[in-house]
């Protein structure tokens, strides 16, 4: 039986950025997957929808983050309330 690949959660700024910073999330996810990580990319959740209440995203992301072995932080994460919360939860 093959061991489970390590799972990583991708956190970073979205709110207020063009296209919610999806391009940066997708590029980082591609690099992490290429490096062998099973990657949880919030930009892929909900089919890419961006019109749901913020709490909906935070609840789902918190559950996914709790199932990960590591977190990867995109540039500018320190300025994002959501990414800072994800960082604190991951710690």
PDB file of N, CA and C in Angstrom:
ATOM      1  N   UNK A   1       0.838  -1.185   0.000  1.00  0.00           N
ATOM      2  CA  UNK A   1       0.000   0.000   0.000  1.00  0.00           C
ATOM      3  C   UNK A   1       0.885   1.252   0.000  1.00  0.00           C
ATOM      4  N   UNK A   2       0.606   2.159  -0.891  1.00  0.00           N
ATOM      5  CA  UNK A   2       1.391   3.388  -1.014  1.00  0.00           C
ATOM      6  C   UNK A   2       1.020   4.359   0.104  1.00  0.00           C
ATOM      7  N   UNK A   3       2.027   4.998   0.729  1.00  0.00           N
ATOM      8  CA  UNK A   3       1.712   5.957   1.802  1.00  0.00           C
ATOM      9  C   UNK A   3       0.977   7.175   1.248  1.00  0.00           C
ATOM     10  N   UNK A   4       0.182   7.782   2.101  1.00  0.00           N
ATOM     11  CA  UNK A   4      -0.577   8.968   1.719  1.00  0.00           C
ATOM     12  C   UNK A   4       0.382  10.125   1.460  1.00  0.00           C
ATOM     13  N   UNK A   5       0.119  10.848   0.379  1.00  0.00           N
ATOM     14  CA  UNK A   5       0.916  12.044   0.104  1.00  0.00           C
ATOM     15  C   UNK A   5       0.611  13.101   1.154  1.00  0.00           C
ATOM     16  N   UNK A   6       1.594  13.888   1.459  1.00  0.00           N
ATOM     17  CA  UNK A   6       1.399  14.997   2.391  1.00  0.00           C
ATOM     18  C   UNK A   6       0.445  16.006   1.768  1.00  0.00           C
ATOM     19  N   UNK A   7      -0.427  16.554   2.593  1.00  0.00           N
ATOM     20  CA  UNK A   7      -1.446  17.505   2.140  1.00  0.00           C
ATOM     21  C   UNK A   7      -1.077  18.897   2.652  1.00  0.00           C
ATOM     22  N   UNK A   8      -1.154  19.883   1.753  1.00  0.00           N
ATOM     23  CA  UNK A   8      -0.812  21.260   2.096  1.00  0.00           C
ATOM     24  C   UNK A   8      -1.972  22.184   1.745  1.00  0.00           C
ATOM     25  N   UNK A   9      -2.202  23.147   2.601  1.00  0.00           N
ATOM     26  CA  UNK A   9      -3.253  24.136   2.411  1.00  0.00           C
ATOM     27  C   UNK A   9      -2.612  25.428   1.932  1.00  0.00           C
ATOM     28  N   UNK A  10      -3.184  26.026   0.915  1.00  0.00           N
ATOM     29  CA  UNK A  10      -2.661  27.250   0.334  1.00  0.00           C
ATOM     30  C   UNK A  10      -3.455  28.448   0.859  1.00  0.00           C
ATOM     31  N   UNK A  11      -2.778  29.359   1.542  1.00  0.00           N
ATOM     32  CA  UNK A  11      -3.435  30.530   2.123  1.00  0.00           C
ATOM     33  C   UNK A  11      -2.814  31.803   1.552  1.00  0.00           C
ATOM     34  N   UNK A  12      -3.650  32.811   1.386  1.00  0.00           N
ATOM     35  CA  UNK A  12      -3.137  34.081   0.890  1.00  0.00           C
ATOM     36  C   UNK A  12      -4.253  35.088   0.738  1.00  0.00           C
ATOM     37  N   UNK A  13      -3.896  36.287   0.312  1.00  0.00           N
ATOM     38  CA  UNK A  13      -4.891  37.352   0.171  1.00  0.00           C
ATOM     39  C   UNK A  13      -5.787  37.131  -1.036  1.00  0.00           C
ATOM     40  N   UNK A  14      -7.068  37.439  -0.867  1.00  0.00           N
ATOM     41  CA  UNK A  14      -8.041  37.349  -1.953  1.00  0.00           C
ATOM     42  C   UNK A  14      -8.878  38.622  -2.043  1.00  0.00           C
ATOM     43  N   UNK A  15      -9.463  39.001  -0.924  1.00  0.00           N
ATOM     44  CA  UNK A  15     -10.402  40.119  -0.896  1.00  0.00           C
ATOM     45  C   UNK A  15      -9.741  41.420  -1.373  1.00  0.00           C
ATOM     46  N   UNK A  16     -10.413  42.077  -2.301  1.00  0.00           N
ATOM     47  CA  UNK A  16      -9.950  43.358  -2.803  1.00  0.00           C
ATOM     48  C   UNK A  16      -8.922  43.270  -3.915  1.00  0.00           C
ATOM     49  N   UNK A  17      -8.489  42.067  -4.268  1.00  0.00           N
ATOM     50  CA  UNK A  17      -7.509  41.903  -5.337  1.00  0.00           C
ATOM     51  C   UNK A  17      -8.214  41.536  -6.644  1.00  0.00           C
ATOM     52  N   UNK A  18      -7.610  41.901  -7.785  1.00  0.00           N
ATOM     53  CA  UNK A  18      -8.222  41.548  -9.069  1.00  0.00           C
ATOM     54  C   UNK A  18      -8.456  40.041  -9.171  1.00  0.00           C
ATOM     55  N   UNK A  19      -9.661  39.665  -9.595  1.00  0.00           N
ATOM     56  CA  UNK A  19     -10.052  38.254  -9.735  1.00  0.00           C
ATOM     57  C   UNK A  19      -9.732  37.455  -8.471  1.00  0.00           C
ATOM     58  N   UNK A  20      -9.801  38.131  -7.330  1.00  0.00           N
ATOM     59  CA  UNK A  20      -9.579  37.490  -6.020  1.00  0.00           C
ATOM     60  C   UNK A  20      -8.225  36.793  -5.910  1.00  0.00           C
ATOM     61  N   UNK A  21      -7.263  37.229  -6.726  1.00  0.00           N
ATOM     62  CA  UNK A  21      -5.904  36.690  -6.679  1.00  0.00           C
ATOM     63  C   UNK A  21      -5.848  35.227  -7.135  1.00  0.00           C
ATOM     64  N   UNK A  22      -6.861  34.797  -7.867  1.00  0.00           N
ATOM     65  CA  UNK A  22      -6.918  33.397  -8.287  1.00  0.00           C
ATOM     66  C   UNK A  22      -5.697  32.981  -9.097  1.00  0.00           C
ATOM     67  N   UNK A  23      -5.154  33.856  -9.938  1.00  0.00           N
ATOM     68  CA  UNK A  23      -3.991  33.488 -10.760  1.00  0.00           C
ATOM     69  C   UNK A  23      -2.814  33.077  -9.878  1.00  0.00           C
ATOM     70  N   UNK A  24      -2.563  33.822  -8.808  1.00  0.00           N
ATOM     71  CA  UNK A  24      -1.469  33.485  -7.900  1.00  0.00           C
ATOM     72  C   UNK A  24      -1.746  32.171  -7.176  1.00  0.00           C
ATOM     73  N   UNK A  25      -2.989  31.964  -6.767  1.00  0.00           N
ATOM     74  CA  UNK A  25      -3.349  30.707  -6.103  1.00  0.00           C
ATOM     75  C   UNK A  25      -3.151  29.525  -7.042  1.00  0.00           C
ATOM     76  N   UNK A  26      -3.613  29.644  -8.277  1.00  0.00           N
ATOM     77  CA  UNK A  26      -3.497  28.530  -9.226  1.00  0.00           C
ATOM     78  C   UNK A  26      -2.037  28.248  -9.581  1.00  0.00           C
ATOM     79  N   UNK A  27      -1.235  29.293  -9.746  1.00  0.00           N
ATOM     80  CA  UNK A  27       0.180  29.095 -10.066  1.00  0.00           C
ATOM     81  C   UNK A  27       0.905  28.400  -8.911  1.00  0.00           C
ATOM     82  N   UNK A  28       0.640  28.840  -7.690  1.00  0.00           N
ATOM     83  CA  UNK A  28       1.276  28.222  -6.527  1.00  0.00           C
ATOM     84  C   UNK A  28       0.813  26.777  -6.364  1.00  0.00           C
ATOM     85  N   UNK A  29      -0.469  26.526  -6.569  1.00  0.00           N
ATOM     86  CA  UNK A  29      -0.990  25.160  -6.461  1.00  0.00           C
ATOM     87  C   UNK A  29      -0.316  24.246  -7.480  1.00  0.00           C
ATOM     88  N   UNK A  30      -0.114  24.736  -8.694  1.00  0.00           N
ATOM     89  CA  UNK A  30       0.544  23.925  -9.726  1.00  0.00           C
ATOM     90  C   UNK A  30       1.970  23.577  -9.297  1.00  0.00           C
ATOM     91  N   UNK A  31       2.704  24.546  -8.749  1.00  0.00           N
ATOM     92  CA  UNK A  31       4.079  24.279  -8.298  1.00  0.00           C
ATOM     93  C   UNK A  31       4.095  23.270  -7.146  1.00  0.00           C
ATOM     94  N   UNK A  32       3.174  23.415  -6.209  1.00  0.00           N
ATOM     95  CA  UNK A  32       3.126  22.489  -5.069  1.00  0.00           C
ATOM     96  C   UNK A  32       2.771  21.076  -5.526  1.00  0.00           C
ATOM     97  N   UNK A  33       1.837  20.965  -6.440  1.00  0.00           N
ATOM     98  CA  UNK A  33       1.461  19.639  -6.951  1.00  0.00           C
ATOM     99  C   UNK A  33       2.613  19.002  -7.712  1.00  0.00           C
ATOM    100  N   UNK A  34       3.319  19.823  -8.470  1.00  0.00           N
ATOM    101  CA  UNK A  34       4.478  19.325  -9.201  1.00  0.00           C
ATOM    102  C   UNK A  34       5.546  18.806  -8.239  1.00  0.00           C
ATOM    103  N   UNK A  35       5.624  19.406  -7.062  1.00  0.00           N
ATOM    104  CA  UNK A  35       6.580  18.990  -6.039  1.00  0.00           C
ATOM    105  C   UNK A  35       6.086  17.783  -5.238  1.00  0.00           C
ATOM    106  N   UNK A  36       4.883  17.294  -5.564  1.00  0.00           N
ATOM    107  CA  UNK A  36       4.394  16.077  -4.922  1.00  0.00           C
ATOM    108  C   UNK A  36       3.382  16.265  -3.809  1.00  0.00           C
ATOM    109  N   UNK A  37       2.973  17.487  -3.543  1.00  0.00           N
ATOM    110  CA  UNK A  37       1.993  17.743  -2.485  1.00  0.00           C
ATOM    111  C   UNK A  37       0.575  17.544  -2.997  1.00  0.00           C
ATOM    112  N   UNK A  38      -0.275  16.981  -2.169  1.00  0.00           N
ATOM    113  CA  UNK A  38      -1.717  17.046  -2.399  1.00  0.00           C
ATOM    114  C   UNK A  38      -2.126  18.433  -1.906  1.00  0.00           C
ATOM    115  N   UNK A  39      -2.597  19.269  -2.800  1.00  0.00           N
ATOM    116  CA  UNK A  39      -2.775  20.682  -2.505  1.00  0.00           C
ATOM    117  C   UNK A  39      -4.238  21.071  -2.394  1.00  0.00           C
ATOM    118  N   UNK A  40      -4.566  21.728  -1.288  1.00  0.00           N
ATOM    119  CA  UNK A  40      -5.895  22.293  -1.099  1.00  0.00           C
ATOM    120  C   UNK A  40      -5.809  23.768  -1.478  1.00  0.00           C
ATOM    121  N   UNK A  41      -6.490  24.122  -2.558  1.00  0.00           N
ATOM    122  CA  UNK A  41      -6.452  25.475  -3.102  1.00  0.00           C
ATOM    123  C   UNK A  41      -7.832  26.103  -2.945  1.00  0.00           C
ATOM    124  N   UNK A  42      -7.988  27.068  -2.037  1.00  0.00           N
ATOM    125  CA  UNK A  42      -9.299  27.689  -1.824  1.00  0.00           C
ATOM    126  C   UNK A  42      -9.906  28.302  -3.090  1.00  0.00           C
ATOM    127  N   UNK A  43      -9.078  28.684  -4.051  1.00  0.00           N
ATOM    128  CA  UNK A  43      -9.590  29.255  -5.296  1.00  0.00           C
ATOM    129  C   UNK A  43     -10.330  28.216  -6.128  1.00  0.00           C
ATOM    130  N   UNK A  44     -10.153  26.948  -5.803  1.00  0.00           N
ATOM    131  CA  UNK A  44     -10.848  25.874  -6.516  1.00  0.00           C
ATOM    132  C   UNK A  44     -12.130  25.442  -5.811  1.00  0.00           C
ATOM    133  N   UNK A  45     -12.296  25.875  -4.571  1.00  0.00           N
ATOM    134  CA  UNK A  45     -13.492  25.489  -3.812  1.00  0.00           C
ATOM    135  C   UNK A  45     -14.739  26.166  -4.375  1.00  0.00           C
ATOM    136  N   UNK A  46     -15.853  25.557  -4.192  1.00  0.00           N
ATOM    137  CA  UNK A  46     -17.146  26.110  -4.611  1.00  0.00           C
ATOM    138  C   UNK A  46     -17.177  26.404  -6.111  1.00  0.00           C
ATOM    139  N   UNK A  47     -16.412  25.649  -6.884  1.00  0.00           N
ATOM    140  CA  UNK A  47     -16.399  25.832  -8.323  1.00  0.00           C
ATOM    141  C   UNK A  47     -15.907  27.204  -8.743  1.00  0.00           C
ATOM    142  N   UNK A  48     -15.123  27.844  -7.886  1.00  0.00           N
ATOM    143  CA  UNK A  48     -14.604  29.175  -8.190  1.00  0.00           C
ATOM    144  C   UNK A  48     -15.579  30.301  -7.901  1.00  0.00           C
ATOM    145  N   UNK A  49     -16.725  29.979  -7.296  1.00  0.00           N
ATOM    146  CA  UNK A  49     -17.701  31.028  -6.973  1.00  0.00           C
ATOM    147  C   UNK A  49     -17.115  32.021  -5.983  1.00  0.00           C
ATOM    148  N   UNK A  50     -17.502  33.281  -6.147  1.00  0.00           N
ATOM    149  CA  UNK A  50     -17.014  34.340  -5.262  1.00  0.00           C
ATOM    150  C   UNK A  50     -18.149  35.174  -4.670  1.00  0.00           C
ATOM    151  N   UNK A  51     -19.370  34.695  -4.820  1.00  0.00           N
ATOM    152  CA  UNK A  51     -20.534  35.490  -4.414  1.00  0.00           C
ATOM    153  C   UNK A  51     -21.197  35.003  -3.126  1.00  0.00           C
ATOM    154  N   UNK A  52     -20.618  34.035  -2.465  1.00  0.00           N
ATOM    155  CA  UNK A  52     -21.209  33.504  -1.238  1.00  0.00           C
ATOM    156  C   UNK A  52     -20.770  34.355  -0.041  1.00  0.00           C
ATOM    157  N   UNK A  53     -21.491  34.250   1.078  1.00  0.00           N
ATOM    158  CA  UNK A  53     -21.085  34.996   2.279  1.00  0.00           C
ATOM    159  C   UNK A  53     -19.688  34.554   2.745  1.00  0.00           C
ATOM    160  N   UNK A  54     -18.915  35.500   3.227  1.00  0.00           N
ATOM    161  CA  UNK A  54     -17.544  35.231   3.686  1.00  0.00           C
ATOM    162  C   UNK A  54     -17.490  34.075   4.687  1.00  0.00           C
ATOM    163  N   UNK A  55     -18.488  33.998   5.566  1.00  0.00           N
ATOM    164  CA  UNK A  55     -18.518  32.938   6.580  1.00  0.00           C
ATOM    165  C   UNK A  55     -18.575  31.552   5.943  1.00  0.00           C
ATOM    166  N   UNK A  56     -19.239  31.438   4.811  1.00  0.00           N
ATOM    167  CA  UNK A  56     -19.337  30.147   4.114  1.00  0.00           C
ATOM    168  C   UNK A  56     -17.950  29.664   3.716  1.00  0.00           C
ATOM    169  N   UNK A  57     -17.159  30.567   3.167  1.00  0.00           N
ATOM    170  CA  UNK A  57     -15.802  30.211   2.757  1.00  0.00           C
ATOM    171  C   UNK A  57     -14.930  29.881   3.975  1.00  0.00           C
ATOM    172  N   UNK A  58     -15.024  30.701   5.013  1.00  0.00           N
ATOM    173  CA  UNK A  58     -14.183  30.481   6.195  1.00  0.00           C
ATOM    174  C   UNK A  58     -14.494  29.153   6.875  1.00  0.00           C
ATOM    175  N   UNK A  59     -15.763  28.791   6.953  1.00  0.00           N
ATOM    176  CA  UNK A  59     -16.126  27.500   7.562  1.00  0.00           C
ATOM    177  C   UNK A  59     -15.520  26.345   6.771  1.00  0.00           C
ATOM    178  N   UNK A  60     -15.730  26.363   5.471  1.00  0.00           N
ATOM    179  CA  UNK A  60     -15.221  25.272   4.622  1.00  0.00           C
ATOM    180  C   UNK A  60     -13.696  25.225   4.659  1.00  0.00           C
ATOM    181  N   UNK A  61     -13.062  26.387   4.582  1.00  0.00           N
ATOM    182  CA  UNK A  61     -11.606  26.430   4.570  1.00  0.00           C
ATOM    183  C   UNK A  61     -11.017  25.938   5.888  1.00  0.00           C
ATOM    184  N   UNK A  62     -11.665  26.261   6.993  1.00  0.00           N
ATOM    185  CA  UNK A  62     -11.190  25.814   8.298  1.00  0.00           C
ATOM    186  C   UNK A  62     -11.220  24.291   8.394  1.00  0.00           C
ATOM    187  N   UNK A  63     -12.281  23.695   7.892  1.00  0.00           N
ATOM    188  CA  UNK A  63     -12.388  22.226   7.899  1.00  0.00           C
ATOM    189  C   UNK A  63     -11.287  21.614   7.049  1.00  0.00           C
ATOM    190  N   UNK A  64     -11.063  22.174   5.864  1.00  0.00           N
ATOM    191  CA  UNK A  64     -10.021  21.656   4.975  1.00  0.00           C
ATOM    192  C   UNK A  64      -8.634  21.852   5.574  1.00  0.00           C
ATOM    193  N   UNK A  65      -8.387  22.998   6.153  1.00  0.00           N
ATOM    194  CA  UNK A  65      -7.092  23.285   6.766  1.00  0.00           C
ATOM    195  C   UNK A  65      -6.774  22.281   7.866  1.00  0.00           C
ATOM    196  N   UNK A  66      -7.768  21.918   8.652  1.00  0.00           N
ATOM    197  CA  UNK A  66      -7.562  20.968   9.751  1.00  0.00           C
ATOM    198  C   UNK A  66      -7.157  19.586   9.251  1.00  0.00           C
ATOM    199  N   UNK A  67      -7.369  19.305   7.985  1.00  0.00           N
ATOM    200  CA  UNK A  67      -7.028  18.001   7.407  1.00  0.00           C
ATOM    201  C   UNK A  67      -5.662  18.005   6.724  1.00  0.00           C
ATOM    202  N   UNK A  68      -4.926  19.118   6.850  1.00  0.00           N
ATOM    203  CA  UNK A  68      -3.651  19.264   6.158  1.00  0.00           C
ATOM    204  C   UNK A  68      -2.468  19.077   7.099  1.00  0.00           C
ATOM    205  N   UNK A  69      -1.333  18.750   6.486  1.00  0.00           N
ATOM    206  CA  UNK A  69      -0.079  18.561   7.222  1.00  0.00           C
ATOM    207  C   UNK A  69       0.747  19.839   7.291  1.00  0.00           C
ATOM    208  N   UNK A  70       0.462  20.770   6.373  1.00  0.00           N
ATOM    209  CA  UNK A  70       1.266  21.996   6.283  1.00  0.00           C
ATOM    210  C   UNK A  70       0.426  23.101   5.657  1.00  0.00           C
ATOM    211  N   UNK A  71       0.956  24.317   5.729  1.00  0.00           N
ATOM    212  CA  UNK A  71       0.304  25.453   5.090  1.00  0.00           C
ATOM    213  C   UNK A  71       1.360  26.202   4.279  1.00  0.00           C
ATOM    214  N   UNK A  72       0.984  26.628   3.084  1.00  0.00           N
ATOM    215  CA  UNK A  72       1.844  27.473   2.248  1.00  0.00           C
ATOM    216  C   UNK A  72       1.208  28.854   2.200  1.00  0.00           C
ATOM    217  N   UNK A  73       2.014  29.879   2.363  1.00  0.00           N
ATOM    218  CA  UNK A  73       1.512  31.244   2.453  1.00  0.00           C
ATOM    219  C   UNK A  73       1.959  32.052   1.239  1.00  0.00           C
ATOM    220  N   UNK A  74       1.000  32.619   0.547  1.00  0.00           N
ATOM    221  CA  UNK A  74       1.293  33.457  -0.609  1.00  0.00           C
ATOM    222  C   UNK A  74       1.774  34.833  -0.147  1.00  0.00           C
ATOM    223  N   UNK A  75       2.549  35.521  -0.987  1.00  0.00           N
ATOM    224  CA  UNK A  75       2.965  36.881  -0.639  1.00  0.00           C
ATOM    225  C   UNK A  75       1.750  37.752  -0.309  1.00  0.00           C
ATOM    226  N   UNK A  76       1.905  38.558   0.705  1.00  0.00           N
ATOM    227  CA  UNK A  76       0.838  39.447   1.131  1.00  0.00           C
ATOM    228  C   UNK A  76      -0.133  38.832   2.123  1.00  0.00           C
ATOM    229  N   UNK A  77       0.132  37.593   2.547  1.00  0.00           N
ATOM    230  CA  UNK A  77      -0.797  36.918   3.458  1.00  0.00           C
ATOM    231  C   UNK A  77      -0.963  37.690   4.762  1.00  0.00           C
ATOM    232  N   UNK A  78       0.082  38.422   5.163  1.00  0.00           N
ATOM    233  CA  UNK A  78       0.032  39.148   6.433  1.00  0.00           C
ATOM    234  C   UNK A  78      -1.025  40.244   6.434  1.00  0.00           C
ATOM    235  N   UNK A  79      -1.410  40.714   5.252  1.00  0.00           N
ATOM    236  CA  UNK A  79      -2.392  41.792   5.132  1.00  0.00           C
ATOM    237  C   UNK A  79      -3.824  41.256   5.007  1.00  0.00           C
ATOM    238  N   UNK A  80      -3.974  39.952   4.994  1.00  0.00           N
ATOM    239  CA  UNK A  80      -5.281  39.330   4.799  1.00  0.00           C
ATOM    240  C   UNK A  80      -5.810  38.783   6.120  1.00  0.00           C
ATOM    241  N   UNK A  81      -6.979  39.262   6.536  1.00  0.00           N
ATOM    242  CA  UNK A  81      -7.578  38.751   7.787  1.00  0.00           C
ATOM    243  C   UNK A  81      -7.788  37.242   7.709  1.00  0.00           C
ATOM    244  N   UNK A  82      -8.308  36.760   6.586  1.00  0.00           N
ATOM    245  CA  UNK A  82      -8.575  35.334   6.441  1.00  0.00           C
ATOM    246  C   UNK A  82      -7.307  34.506   6.467  1.00  0.00           C
ATOM    247  N   UNK A  83      -6.279  34.942   5.749  1.00  0.00           N
ATOM    248  CA  UNK A  83      -5.020  34.199   5.719  1.00  0.00           C
ATOM    249  C   UNK A  83      -4.328  34.228   7.082  1.00  0.00           C
ATOM    250  N   UNK A  84      -4.426  35.354   7.791  1.00  0.00           N
ATOM    251  CA  UNK A  84      -3.846  35.402   9.146  1.00  0.00           C
ATOM    252  C   UNK A  84      -4.551  34.412  10.067  1.00  0.00           C
ATOM    253  N   UNK A  85      -5.866  34.318   9.948  1.00  0.00           N
ATOM    254  CA  UNK A  85      -6.617  33.345  10.743  1.00  0.00           C
ATOM    255  C   UNK A  85      -6.184  31.923  10.385  1.00  0.00           C
ATOM    256  N   UNK A  86      -6.049  31.650   9.105  1.00  0.00           N
ATOM    257  CA  UNK A  86      -5.618  30.306   8.670  1.00  0.00           C
ATOM    258  C   UNK A  86      -4.223  29.995   9.194  1.00  0.00           C
ATOM    259  N   UNK A  87      -3.339  30.964   9.172  1.00  0.00           N
ATOM    260  CA  UNK A  87      -1.993  30.784   9.715  1.00  0.00           C
ATOM    261  C   UNK A  87      -2.053  30.436  11.207  1.00  0.00           C
ATOM    262  N   UNK A  88      -2.855  31.193  11.957  1.00  0.00           N
ATOM    263  CA  UNK A  88      -2.954  30.928  13.401  1.00  0.00           C
ATOM    264  C   UNK A  88      -3.542  29.547  13.666  1.00  0.00           C
ATOM    265  N   UNK A  89      -4.535  29.157  12.909  1.00  0.00           N
ATOM    266  CA  UNK A  89      -5.114  27.827  13.086  1.00  0.00           C
ATOM    267  C   UNK A  89      -4.099  26.731  12.744  1.00  0.00           C
ATOM    268  N   UNK A  90      -3.333  26.949  11.709  1.00  0.00           N
ATOM    269  CA  UNK A  90      -2.331  25.959  11.304  1.00  0.00           C
ATOM    270  C   UNK A  90      -1.243  25.795  12.354  1.00  0.00           C
ATOM    271  N   UNK A  91      -0.886  26.879  13.002  1.00  0.00           N
ATOM    272  CA  UNK A  91       0.154  26.815  14.035  1.00  0.00           C
ATOM    273  C   UNK A  91      -0.325  25.967  15.187  1.00  0.00           C
TER     274      UNK A  91
END
